[in-house]
Structure formats: C-alpha cells, structure tokens
C-alpha cells in the first residue's frame, strides 16, 4: 500500500496526469450513463419487484411550488437508471445468505406492515391485483381492514423455500374457519330455497408437497376444510376439491414461485364441482392447451430467492371448446359492459396469471351457447380466476364477482338475474381471514331480518355480531 511519503515523491507532471485521467473517467461515466438513461428503452413494470416503476412526471407550476415535481423526478431517476433490473437481481443474490437455513429449506420472515407488497386495492388493480389477495389485504375503498386480519391466518408471516418451491405457512384453525361457515349459512337462510348453493374451499400446495416435519398438525388445510364443511347447513353442497387435487398431486397443479394454483389445478377443481353438481365433466383432451413461459410469481418477488429463479414457472391455460360472449363491468350497476374474453392472452412476464379473466374485476358476465336456463354466480378471490371459466361449459350464463370490489346487494343481484346456482370459491387463506366473512356478510346487510340487531361497525361495514362467532 502506498503511504503518504511515497505519494509526495510522485513527480508533479505525473500527479497532474493521474488527476486528468480520474476526471475524464468520472465525466465519461456521467456522460455515458446519461446517454444510456436518455436513449435506452424504459420498463413500465419491474418483473423482479412486481411493481409499477415511476414514470417521468408532467410539469405543473403547482407541483413545482410544493416540491412534488422535483421529488417525482428524483423517483423517476431512481427507478430508471441503466441496467437497474440486473442490479436488483444481483442485490437479491447477495441477500441469499439471509434468513434461517438448514440442509434443505430456506425460511424468510416477512413483515407485511413494512413490505412493499402492501399496497392499496386501487393501485393493485392498476397493476395486477391477483398478486396480493392472499399475501395481505390493504385498503379496499374507504375500509381499513389491517387490524381485522391480525392473527387471522391471512398474513404471510414466513415463506418456506423447499425443493425449489415456495410455500406460505398456513395459520388457519377451526376457530378462524368458523366465521366463514356461519357466513355461508346466512346466505342459505336468506336466498330463495330454489337457489342451489355450493361451497368450495381451495387448498394451497402445503398439504401436498411440504414435508410433515415443517407443518403443524393443528394447521392442516385438510382438517380446516373438513371443519368448514362439517359446520355447513344441510342445504349447502360441499365441493371436494381437496380430494380431486390430492389424487393428481403429481401433476403441475401449483406454481413454484407464486401463491396461486395453475390452470390444471383449476381444471381438477372443476371436475370436483361437476361431481357435486351432477354434471359430466369435459375431458382435458377437449381443450386447446396454451402456455406462457418464464413466469416468476409473487413469492419470488417477496424473497428473490435464487432457487426459485432456477425453477421458473410457466402459465398453462385451457381454452374452452365452446363459444362465449364476455362482458366486464367495472361498475356492476352499469347496464352495458366492456366486451372482452375469458383469457387475456396479451398477459406476459410476471403478470401472466392475469391471463385468467384478465385479472380481478367487480363483475364479469359470460353468455354461452347452452340453452338450459341455468345461471350460476361465482363469488371468488383470485384463485377463482383459474376455475371460473370452466363453469361456462354447463351454464347458459355465468356471473363472476370478486368479493373485494363488488358493492351491490348479492341477494338482489341473484333475484334480478334469475340465478339458479351460487358457488363460493375461496382458497384456505381467504376462508380463514375474518375480513372475508365480514365483507360477504355486508353484501347481504339489507336483508337482515332482526328488528334490533347488535352490530359491529367497521367504517362502511355493518355486520351482525352473532354471525361472526
């Protein structure tokens, strides 16, 4: 190492040359970096971080006066410097040594309060709200529900990486499942007895692929589903999706890097529904299979684990062998919807799961070539996106609503549209989240018969206490 005495012995002309070289290199880096920033194409979404990148702000005197304009420019440069995505991935590689590690498993502890995946519902709709529903629920409209979720099984408190696959750790129990069963029973009491009600609790991959030593018996998804079904009234038909998926667990039913199931998983749940409803299911060979490759999902975005990146997913979907007419309604009270399709085939990259229904929407109406007078309403979370399209094979009309964004009274909606069948399609994390029961009960609130009901008021939610016990 050169000490101060040696530096003092460097001739002045050589020292001047070194200073010029340093200055030229520094200026060169600034100029090249600036040119790259100016001319390189800009990404709108970070596939690695699964978020929308800041775009260059529009100028206004008001924004400049309050300082927001310069702050927005700073955020733009921070999000769009050259080769940013590669550097983020490199940084993730350095963090790979974090967390608890054993011979075959990596565990990441996630804090949803601090994690960038916690966003508002409005923001998630702009990007892809299917990413967030069983990771955490933030704000829906004016209703803040974070406190209602606490300890209710929805938070991803840790993510296991095992055998190149990511798992959320299920925290549900008989107690957390009880409000959901009570809520479904309320629908049976309120809806016309002629309306057939089906309940399908969808398992995640934990029971099928995670070794027993990493699971707690009291948090078994199978036990949880059995607890929900055993508490249902006799007028509700349980759909045994768990058993059908278990029989086919060796197939590609769940993603390695994402919290959702695949199109094939949705298909086997459809077969379970057919068994419950008395339909003859279509064989898989009847569908046109299509694939979107290079899909890195939500659990990779949370962990950036290299094992997941090395086990990248594909999104398979199976196009129906019948003709359908599809309309999307961003406001379910609108008389005219937006013409669309069951499969958003333009979806790509980290947003590829949105190929199913195009993502989440308050209401989707599907009209088919069937002329049997049967109409079904499916209330779902994002797991239902890969399942609901198959319903069109057996019904004249299919109505698909997302419980987070639909705002109308469901009983009124069923009566107005002469719906004959109704199915709850929710994954285990959503079933065991108190917010789900509160939200779906609120959609029936005008049909409560009690003269002086005791209620819990949560902003605009009004829910009878007895139904949440």
Protein backbone atom coordinates (compact mmCIF):
# COMPACT_ATOMS: atom_id res chain seq x y z
CA UNK A 1 0.00 0.00 0.00
CA UNK A 2 1.39 3.42 -0.96
CA UNK A 3 1.97 5.64 2.09
CA UNK A 4 1.95 9.45 2.24
CA UNK A 5 5.73 9.66 1.85
CA UNK A 6 5.64 7.70 -1.41
CA UNK A 7 2.79 9.90 -2.72
CA UNK A 8 4.84 13.00 -2.01
CA UNK A 9 7.66 11.56 -4.14
CA UNK A 10 5.43 11.32 -7.29
CA UNK A 11 6.50 13.98 -9.79
CA UNK A 12 4.12 16.89 -10.32
CA UNK A 13 3.60 16.15 -14.03
CA UNK A 14 2.67 12.52 -13.31
CA UNK A 15 0.35 13.60 -10.49
CA UNK A 16 -1.34 16.01 -12.92
CA UNK A 17 -1.76 13.22 -15.48
CA UNK A 18 -3.39 10.94 -12.89
CA UNK A 19 -5.76 13.73 -11.87
CA UNK A 20 -6.76 14.31 -15.53
CA UNK A 21 -7.34 10.58 -16.06
CA UNK A 22 -9.56 10.41 -12.94
CA UNK A 23 -11.53 13.45 -14.05
CA UNK A 24 -12.01 12.13 -17.59
CA UNK A 25 -13.12 8.71 -16.30
CA UNK A 26 -15.58 10.32 -13.89
CA UNK A 27 -17.00 12.64 -16.55
CA UNK A 28 -17.11 9.76 -19.03
CA UNK A 29 -19.17 7.64 -16.65
CA UNK A 30 -21.59 10.53 -16.13
CA UNK A 31 -21.92 11.20 -19.88
CA UNK A 32 -22.33 7.53 -20.85
CA UNK A 33 -24.78 6.94 -18.00
CA UNK A 34 -26.78 9.99 -19.03
CA UNK A 35 -26.90 8.90 -22.68
CA UNK A 36 -27.96 5.38 -21.70
CA UNK A 37 -30.67 6.81 -19.45
CA UNK A 38 -31.84 9.03 -22.29
CA UNK A 39 -31.88 6.52 -25.14
CA UNK A 40 -32.36 3.06 -23.60
CA UNK A 41 -36.00 1.85 -23.61
CA UNK A 42 -37.75 2.25 -20.26
CA UNK A 43 -39.62 -0.52 -18.47
CA UNK A 44 -43.02 0.32 -17.02
CA UNK A 45 -43.04 -2.62 -14.59
CA UNK A 46 -40.26 -4.30 -12.66
CA UNK A 47 -40.73 -8.04 -13.16
CA UNK A 48 -38.38 -8.76 -10.25
CA UNK A 49 -40.07 -6.45 -7.75
CA UNK A 50 -43.58 -6.85 -9.23
CA UNK A 51 -44.38 -3.17 -9.07
CA UNK A 52 -45.01 -0.27 -11.37
CA UNK A 53 -41.93 1.90 -11.96
CA UNK A 54 -42.15 5.68 -11.66
CA UNK A 55 -42.67 7.48 -14.95
CA UNK A 56 -41.39 10.97 -15.78
CA UNK A 57 -43.79 13.48 -14.18
CA UNK A 58 -45.88 16.01 -16.05
CA UNK A 59 -44.90 19.58 -15.25
CA UNK A 60 -47.21 21.94 -13.42
CA UNK A 61 -46.48 25.16 -11.52
CA UNK A 62 -48.46 23.87 -8.54
CA UNK A 63 -46.41 20.66 -8.30
CA UNK A 64 -43.17 22.64 -8.65
CA UNK A 65 -44.22 25.10 -5.90
CA UNK A 66 -44.96 22.41 -3.31
CA UNK A 67 -41.85 20.43 -4.22
CA UNK A 68 -43.62 17.35 -5.53
CA UNK A 69 -42.30 17.83 -9.06
CA UNK A 70 -38.63 17.63 -8.11
CA UNK A 71 -39.35 14.69 -5.79
CA UNK A 72 -41.06 12.89 -8.67
CA UNK A 73 -38.06 13.49 -10.93
CA UNK A 74 -35.80 12.02 -8.25
CA UNK A 75 -38.01 8.93 -8.01
CA UNK A 76 -38.02 8.63 -11.81
CA UNK A 77 -34.21 8.56 -11.99
CA UNK A 78 -34.03 6.12 -9.07
CA UNK A 79 -36.39 3.74 -10.89
CA UNK A 80 -34.97 4.07 -14.39
CA UNK A 81 -31.19 4.13 -14.24
CA UNK A 82 -29.48 1.82 -16.78
CA UNK A 83 -29.43 -1.93 -16.05
CA UNK A 84 -31.43 -1.39 -12.87
CA UNK A 85 -33.27 -4.74 -13.12
CA UNK A 86 -29.98 -6.66 -13.37
CA UNK A 87 -28.60 -4.81 -10.36
CA UNK A 88 -31.72 -5.59 -8.32
CA UNK A 89 -31.29 -9.26 -9.14
CA UNK A 90 -27.60 -9.08 -8.20
CA UNK A 91 -28.54 -7.47 -4.90
CA UNK A 92 -31.05 -10.26 -4.28
CA UNK A 93 -28.24 -12.77 -4.81
CA UNK A 94 -26.18 -11.08 -2.10
CA UNK A 95 -29.14 -11.34 0.30
CA UNK A 96 -29.42 -15.08 -0.31
CA UNK A 97 -27.41 -15.76 2.83
CA UNK A 98 -30.06 -14.03 4.98
CA UNK A 99 -32.69 -15.91 6.96
CA UNK A 100 -32.74 -19.29 8.63
CA UNK A 101 -31.07 -22.08 6.71
CA UNK A 102 -30.95 -25.84 7.13
CA UNK A 103 -29.91 -28.64 4.80
CA UNK A 104 -32.92 -28.48 2.52
CA UNK A 105 -35.04 -25.49 3.48
CA UNK A 106 -34.78 -21.70 3.49
CA UNK A 107 -37.20 -19.64 5.60
CA UNK A 108 -37.87 -15.95 5.02
CA UNK A 109 -39.70 -13.93 7.64
CA UNK A 110 -42.00 -11.37 6.02
CA UNK A 111 -43.34 -8.23 7.71
CA UNK A 112 -46.43 -7.16 5.70
CA UNK A 113 -46.55 -3.81 7.53
CA UNK A 114 -43.16 -2.88 6.07
CA UNK A 115 -43.09 -4.93 2.90
CA UNK A 116 -43.54 -3.06 -0.41
CA UNK A 117 -46.13 -5.64 -1.47
CA UNK A 118 -48.64 -3.95 0.87
CA UNK A 119 -50.46 -1.57 -1.47
CA UNK A 120 -53.93 -0.16 -1.86
CA UNK A 121 -56.59 -2.01 -3.80
CA UNK A 122 -56.73 0.87 -6.30
CA UNK A 123 -53.00 0.55 -7.01
CA UNK A 124 -53.23 -3.24 -7.26
CA UNK A 125 -55.99 -3.01 -9.85
CA UNK A 126 -53.78 -0.80 -12.00
CA UNK A 127 -51.07 -3.47 -11.98
CA UNK A 128 -52.39 -6.90 -11.10
CA UNK A 129 -54.47 -7.32 -8.00
CA UNK A 130 -54.28 -11.10 -8.25
CA UNK A 131 -50.80 -10.75 -6.79
CA UNK A 132 -51.92 -9.52 -3.43
CA UNK A 133 -55.08 -11.14 -2.11
CA UNK A 134 -53.56 -14.00 -0.08
CA UNK A 135 -50.33 -12.16 0.68
CA UNK A 136 -52.07 -9.36 2.53
CA UNK A 137 -55.14 -7.19 2.21
CA UNK A 138 -54.54 -3.47 2.43
CA UNK A 139 -57.29 -0.92 1.85
CA UNK A 140 -60.47 -1.64 -0.05
CA UNK A 141 -62.29 1.57 -0.86
CA UNK A 142 -62.51 3.51 2.43
CA UNK A 143 -62.41 0.39 4.61
CA UNK A 144 -59.19 -0.14 6.53
CA UNK A 145 -59.05 -3.79 7.45
CA UNK A 146 -55.48 -4.43 8.51
CA UNK A 147 -56.45 -4.78 12.17
CA UNK A 148 -59.21 -7.28 11.37
CA UNK A 149 -56.66 -9.51 9.65
CA UNK A 150 -54.25 -9.68 12.54
CA UNK A 151 -53.65 -13.28 13.63
CA UNK A 152 -56.42 -14.47 11.33
CA UNK A 153 -54.22 -16.53 9.01
CA UNK A 154 -54.00 -14.15 6.05
CA UNK A 155 -50.58 -12.63 6.68
CA UNK A 156 -47.67 -14.40 5.17
CA UNK A 157 -45.54 -14.45 8.29
CA UNK A 158 -42.93 -16.63 6.65
CA UNK A 159 -42.17 -18.21 3.30
CA UNK A 160 -40.54 -21.63 3.09
CA UNK A 161 -38.33 -22.48 0.15
CA UNK A 162 -38.18 -26.24 -0.17
CA UNK A 163 -37.07 -28.29 -3.16
CA UNK A 164 -37.14 -25.25 -5.45
CA UNK A 165 -40.72 -24.38 -4.46
CA UNK A 166 -42.09 -21.59 -2.27
CA UNK A 167 -44.76 -22.19 0.37
CA UNK A 168 -46.81 -19.85 2.50
CA UNK A 169 -47.22 -21.06 6.06
CA UNK A 170 -50.89 -21.63 6.82
CA UNK A 171 -52.11 -20.23 10.14
CA UNK A 172 -55.77 -21.19 9.96
CA UNK A 173 -57.63 -23.24 12.57
CA UNK A 174 -61.15 -24.40 13.44
CA UNK A 175 -61.70 -21.12 15.26
CA UNK A 176 -60.62 -18.95 12.33
CA UNK A 177 -62.74 -21.04 9.94
CA UNK A 178 -65.95 -20.79 11.96
CA UNK A 179 -66.97 -17.25 10.86
CA UNK A 180 -66.81 -18.33 7.22
CA UNK A 181 -69.13 -21.30 7.77
CA UNK A 182 -71.53 -19.07 9.67
CA UNK A 183 -71.48 -16.54 6.85
CA UNK A 184 -72.24 -19.17 4.19
CA UNK A 185 -75.11 -20.45 6.33
CA UNK A 186 -76.55 -16.93 6.43
CA UNK A 187 -76.70 -16.98 2.62
CA UNK A 188 -78.66 -20.23 2.79
CA UNK A 189 -81.17 -18.66 5.18
CA UNK A 190 -81.64 -15.53 3.08
CA UNK A 191 -81.59 -16.77 -0.51
CA UNK A 192 -84.54 -18.48 -2.15
CA UNK A 193 -84.55 -22.22 -1.32
CA UNK A 194 -84.60 -22.94 -5.08
CA UNK A 195 -81.12 -21.42 -5.46
CA UNK A 196 -78.52 -24.18 -5.15
CA UNK A 197 -75.52 -23.15 -3.05
CA UNK A 198 -72.08 -24.75 -3.39
CA UNK A 199 -69.06 -24.12 -1.17
CA UNK A 200 -65.54 -24.88 -2.36
CA UNK A 201 -62.56 -24.24 -0.10
CA UNK A 202 -59.43 -24.50 -2.24
CA UNK A 203 -56.22 -25.86 -0.68
CA UNK A 204 -52.79 -24.38 -1.34
CA UNK A 205 -49.82 -26.72 -2.01
CA UNK A 206 -48.78 -27.08 1.65
CA UNK A 207 -50.50 -30.39 2.41
CA UNK A 208 -49.43 -31.99 -0.86
CA UNK A 209 -45.76 -31.05 -1.16
CA UNK A 210 -44.32 -29.76 2.12
CA UNK A 211 -42.78 -32.49 4.35
CA UNK A 212 -44.61 -33.19 7.61
CA UNK A 213 -41.70 -32.02 9.75
CA UNK A 214 -42.27 -28.47 8.54
CA UNK A 215 -46.02 -28.47 9.21
CA UNK A 216 -48.10 -28.30 12.36
CA UNK A 217 -50.91 -30.83 12.58
CA UNK A 218 -53.28 -28.26 14.07
CA UNK A 219 -52.83 -26.10 10.97
CA UNK A 220 -53.60 -28.83 8.45
CA UNK A 221 -55.51 -27.48 5.47
CA UNK A 222 -57.43 -30.74 5.12
CA UNK A 223 -58.60 -30.51 8.74
CA UNK A 224 -59.54 -26.89 8.18
CA UNK A 225 -61.62 -27.69 5.11
CA UNK A 226 -63.35 -30.52 6.95
CA UNK A 227 -64.16 -28.12 9.81
CA UNK A 228 -65.75 -25.64 7.38
CA UNK A 229 -67.79 -28.29 5.58
CA UNK A 230 -68.99 -30.02 8.75
CA UNK A 231 -70.42 -26.72 10.02
CA UNK A 232 -72.44 -26.01 6.85
CA UNK A 233 -76.21 -26.33 6.81
CA UNK A 234 -77.70 -29.33 5.01
CA UNK A 235 -78.91 -27.11 2.15
CA UNK A 236 -75.33 -26.34 1.07
CA UNK A 237 -73.32 -28.70 -1.13
CA UNK A 238 -69.60 -29.03 -0.37
CA UNK A 239 -67.25 -29.34 -3.35
CA UNK A 240 -64.48 -31.84 -2.59
CA UNK A 241 -61.70 -30.09 -4.49
CA UNK A 242 -59.06 -31.22 -1.98
CA UNK A 243 -59.64 -34.90 -2.75
CA UNK A 244 -59.53 -34.38 -6.51
CA UNK A 245 -56.33 -32.35 -6.31
CA UNK A 246 -54.75 -34.87 -3.94
CA UNK A 247 -55.37 -37.69 -6.45
CA UNK A 248 -53.50 -35.65 -9.10
CA UNK A 249 -50.81 -34.12 -6.89
CA UNK A 250 -48.00 -35.49 -9.08
CA UNK A 251 -49.12 -33.11 -11.86
CA UNK A 252 -48.39 -29.40 -12.30
CA UNK A 253 -51.20 -28.11 -10.06
CA UNK A 254 -49.41 -25.24 -8.29
CA UNK A 255 -46.69 -22.79 -9.24
CA UNK A 256 -43.19 -22.97 -7.78
CA UNK A 257 -42.73 -19.20 -7.45
CA UNK A 258 -46.29 -17.91 -6.99
CA UNK A 259 -49.05 -18.27 -4.38
CA UNK A 260 -51.68 -19.32 -6.95
CA UNK A 261 -52.57 -22.66 -8.49
CA UNK A 262 -52.20 -23.40 -12.20
CA UNK A 263 -54.80 -23.75 -14.92
CA UNK A 264 -54.53 -27.50 -14.44
CA UNK A 265 -55.27 -27.12 -10.74
CA UNK A 266 -58.37 -25.15 -11.65
CA UNK A 267 -59.39 -27.91 -14.05
CA UNK A 268 -59.33 -30.63 -11.38
CA UNK A 269 -61.36 -28.39 -9.08
CA UNK A 270 -63.84 -28.09 -11.96
CA UNK A 271 -64.07 -31.88 -12.07
CA UNK A 272 -64.81 -31.89 -8.34
CA UNK A 273 -67.54 -29.32 -8.91
CA UNK A 274 -69.08 -31.46 -11.65
CA UNK A 275 -69.21 -34.39 -9.23
CA UNK A 276 -71.05 -32.20 -6.70
CA UNK A 277 -73.42 -30.63 -9.24
CA UNK A 278 -74.23 -33.79 -11.21
CA UNK A 279 -72.53 -32.76 -14.47
CA UNK A 280 -70.41 -34.89 -16.77
CA UNK A 281 -67.02 -33.10 -16.87
CA UNK A 282 -65.23 -32.42 -20.13
CA UNK A 283 -62.03 -34.42 -20.55
CA UNK A 284 -58.79 -32.45 -20.69
CA UNK A 285 -58.25 -33.57 -24.28
CA UNK A 286 -61.26 -31.48 -25.34
CA UNK A 287 -59.44 -28.22 -24.57
CA UNK A 288 -56.83 -26.27 -26.52
CA UNK A 289 -53.80 -26.01 -24.25
CA UNK A 290 -51.70 -22.85 -24.43
CA UNK A 291 -48.64 -21.83 -22.42
CA UNK A 292 -46.96 -18.62 -21.31
CA UNK A 293 -43.37 -19.26 -20.34
CA UNK A 294 -40.88 -17.57 -17.99
CA UNK A 295 -43.24 -16.67 -15.17
CA UNK A 296 -41.77 -15.56 -11.85
CA UNK A 297 -44.54 -15.09 -9.33
CA UNK A 298 -45.40 -13.30 -6.10
CA UNK A 299 -43.39 -15.44 -3.69
CA UNK A 300 -40.28 -14.91 -5.77
CA UNK A 301 -40.99 -11.17 -5.64
CA UNK A 302 -41.11 -11.40 -1.83
CA UNK A 303 -37.89 -13.39 -1.44
CA UNK A 304 -35.85 -13.02 -4.66
CA UNK A 305 -34.51 -16.47 -3.83
CA UNK A 306 -32.20 -17.87 -6.49
CA UNK A 307 -33.66 -21.39 -6.03
CA UNK A 308 -36.97 -20.08 -7.28
CA UNK A 309 -35.41 -18.22 -10.17
CA UNK A 310 -33.78 -21.50 -11.21
CA UNK A 311 -37.20 -23.23 -11.05
CA UNK A 312 -39.12 -20.72 -13.15
CA UNK A 313 -42.79 -21.35 -13.91
CA UNK A 314 -44.99 -21.49 -16.99
CA UNK A 315 -48.65 -20.46 -17.02
CA UNK A 316 -50.78 -23.09 -18.75
CA UNK A 317 -54.37 -22.35 -19.67
CA UNK A 318 -57.00 -24.44 -21.42
CA UNK A 319 -59.33 -22.69 -23.85
CA UNK A 320 -62.92 -23.87 -23.81
CA UNK A 321 -64.29 -25.89 -26.73
CA UNK A 322 -67.42 -23.68 -26.86
CA UNK A 323 -68.20 -20.13 -27.95
CA UNK A 324 -68.66 -17.49 -25.24
CA UNK A 325 -69.53 -13.79 -25.10
CA UNK A 326 -67.83 -11.98 -22.22
CA UNK A 327 -68.53 -8.57 -20.70
CA UNK A 328 -66.58 -6.88 -17.91
CA UNK A 329 -68.24 -4.38 -15.57
CA UNK A 330 -66.02 -2.04 -13.57
CA UNK A 331 -69.25 -0.77 -12.03
CA UNK A 332 -71.70 -3.62 -11.58
CA UNK A 333 -74.65 -1.21 -11.85
CA UNK A 334 -73.69 -0.28 -15.41
CA UNK A 335 -76.14 -1.56 -17.99
CA UNK A 336 -73.50 -2.02 -20.66
CA UNK A 337 -70.23 -3.81 -20.01
CA UNK A 338 -66.90 -3.81 -21.78
CA UNK A 339 -66.59 -6.55 -24.38
CA UNK A 340 -63.73 -8.93 -23.62
CA UNK A 341 -62.66 -12.59 -23.45
CA UNK A 342 -62.24 -15.26 -20.80
CA UNK A 343 -58.48 -15.34 -21.41
CA UNK A 344 -56.33 -12.20 -21.66
CA UNK A 345 -53.76 -13.68 -23.97
CA UNK A 346 -51.72 -10.47 -24.04
CA UNK A 347 -50.70 -11.01 -20.39
CA UNK A 348 -46.98 -11.72 -20.09
CA UNK A 349 -43.99 -11.96 -17.76
CA UNK A 350 -44.68 -11.57 -14.07
CA UNK A 351 -48.27 -10.62 -14.87
CA UNK A 352 -49.00 -13.89 -16.73
CA UNK A 353 -51.50 -15.21 -14.16
CA UNK A 354 -53.78 -12.41 -15.36
CA UNK A 355 -54.39 -14.49 -18.48
CA UNK A 356 -57.26 -15.94 -16.43
CA UNK A 357 -60.18 -13.50 -16.75
CA UNK A 358 -57.74 -10.64 -17.33
CA UNK A 359 -57.24 -10.27 -13.56
CA UNK A 360 -59.76 -9.13 -10.97
CA UNK A 361 -62.90 -7.15 -11.70
CA UNK A 362 -66.09 -6.41 -9.71
CA UNK A 363 -68.29 -8.30 -12.18
CA UNK A 364 -67.87 -10.44 -15.29
CA UNK A 365 -70.79 -11.81 -17.27
CA UNK A 366 -70.33 -14.81 -19.57
CA UNK A 367 -73.03 -15.86 -22.02
CA UNK A 368 -72.70 -19.25 -23.70
CA UNK A 369 -74.30 -21.31 -26.44
CA UNK A 370 -76.02 -23.50 -23.83
CA UNK A 371 -79.79 -23.09 -23.72
CA UNK A 372 -80.66 -24.85 -20.48
CA UNK A 373 -81.93 -21.90 -18.44
CA UNK A 374 -79.30 -22.46 -15.75
CA UNK A 375 -77.32 -19.49 -14.48
CA UNK A 376 -74.55 -19.53 -11.88
CA UNK A 377 -72.97 -16.82 -9.75
CA UNK A 378 -69.39 -17.46 -8.59
CA UNK A 379 -68.04 -15.30 -5.76
CA UNK A 380 -64.28 -15.68 -5.62
CA UNK A 381 -60.81 -14.41 -4.79
CA UNK A 382 -58.01 -14.62 -7.36
CA UNK A 383 -57.78 -18.42 -7.04
CA UNK A 384 -61.22 -18.47 -8.62
CA UNK A 385 -59.86 -16.83 -11.77
CA UNK A 386 -58.37 -20.12 -12.97
CA UNK A 387 -61.51 -22.06 -12.05
CA UNK A 388 -64.50 -19.92 -13.06
CA UNK A 389 -64.09 -20.14 -16.87
CA UNK A 390 -64.86 -23.88 -16.77
CA UNK A 391 -68.34 -23.13 -15.41
CA UNK A 392 -69.32 -21.81 -18.84
CA UNK A 393 -69.31 -25.40 -20.12
CA UNK A 394 -72.53 -26.21 -18.25
CA UNK A 395 -74.49 -22.98 -17.83
CA UNK A 396 -76.34 -20.59 -20.09
CA UNK A 397 -74.88 -17.65 -18.19
CA UNK A 398 -72.04 -17.33 -15.68
CA UNK A 399 -71.65 -14.30 -13.41
CA UNK A 400 -68.26 -13.91 -11.71
CA UNK A 401 -67.82 -11.42 -8.90
CA UNK A 402 -64.79 -10.54 -6.81
CA UNK A 403 -65.87 -10.09 -3.20
CA UNK A 404 -63.31 -7.30 -2.65
CA UNK A 405 -64.67 -4.97 -5.33
CA UNK A 406 -68.33 -5.90 -5.83
CA UNK A 407 -70.58 -3.41 -3.99
CA UNK A 408 -74.19 -4.35 -4.74
CA UNK A 409 -76.53 -6.46 -2.63
CA UNK A 410 -75.97 -10.06 -3.72
CA UNK A 411 -79.46 -11.28 -2.85
CA UNK A 412 -80.94 -8.55 -5.05
CA UNK A 413 -78.49 -9.40 -7.80
CA UNK A 414 -79.38 -13.10 -7.72
CA UNK A 415 -83.11 -12.35 -7.83
CA UNK A 416 -82.84 -9.76 -10.63
CA UNK A 417 -80.72 -12.01 -12.85
CA UNK A 418 -82.74 -15.18 -12.10
CA UNK A 419 -79.65 -17.04 -10.97
CA UNK A 420 -80.21 -20.73 -10.22
CA UNK A 421 -76.83 -21.76 -8.75
CA UNK A 422 -74.34 -19.97 -6.47
CA UNK A 423 -70.79 -21.04 -5.53
CA UNK A 424 -68.25 -19.74 -3.05
CA UNK A 425 -64.74 -20.37 -4.47
CA UNK A 426 -62.06 -19.27 -1.99
CA UNK A 427 -58.61 -20.52 -1.04
CA UNK A 428 -57.88 -21.55 2.54
CA UNK A 429 -56.05 -18.34 3.42
CA UNK A 430 -59.02 -16.23 2.35
CA UNK A 431 -61.54 -18.52 4.08
CA UNK A 432 -59.67 -18.10 7.37
CA UNK A 433 -59.46 -14.33 7.13
CA UNK A 434 -62.09 -12.56 9.18
CA UNK A 435 -62.35 -9.80 6.59
CA UNK A 436 -63.79 -12.23 4.03
CA UNK A 437 -66.72 -13.15 6.26
CA UNK A 438 -67.32 -9.53 7.20
CA UNK A 439 -67.22 -8.35 3.62
CA UNK A 440 -69.52 -11.03 2.24
CA UNK A 441 -71.98 -10.64 5.09
CA UNK A 442 -72.05 -6.91 4.40
CA UNK A 443 -73.25 -7.68 0.87
CA UNK A 444 -76.39 -9.15 2.50
CA UNK A 445 -76.86 -6.45 5.13
CA UNK A 446 -80.13 -5.02 3.75
CA UNK A 447 -81.67 -8.50 4.07
CA UNK A 448 -81.06 -8.84 7.81
CA UNK A 449 -84.43 -9.60 9.48
CA UNK A 450 -83.58 -8.83 13.11
CA UNK A 451 -85.52 -5.81 14.36
CA UNK A 452 -82.72 -4.51 16.59
CA UNK A 453 -79.54 -6.32 15.59
CA UNK A 454 -76.34 -5.77 17.53
CA UNK A 455 -73.70 -4.78 15.02
CA UNK A 456 -70.01 -4.26 14.63
CA UNK A 457 -69.34 -1.12 12.61
CA UNK A 458 -66.11 -1.06 10.63
CA UNK A 459 -66.27 2.08 8.52
CA UNK A 460 -68.97 1.23 5.97
CA UNK A 461 -69.23 -2.41 7.01
CA UNK A 462 -72.22 -3.30 9.18
CA UNK A 463 -72.12 -6.89 10.35
CA UNK A 464 -74.29 -8.64 12.99
CA UNK A 465 -72.13 -9.92 15.82
CA UNK A 466 -73.78 -13.31 16.10
CA UNK A 467 -72.77 -14.27 12.58
CA UNK A 468 -69.08 -13.81 13.34
CA UNK A 469 -68.88 -16.01 16.40
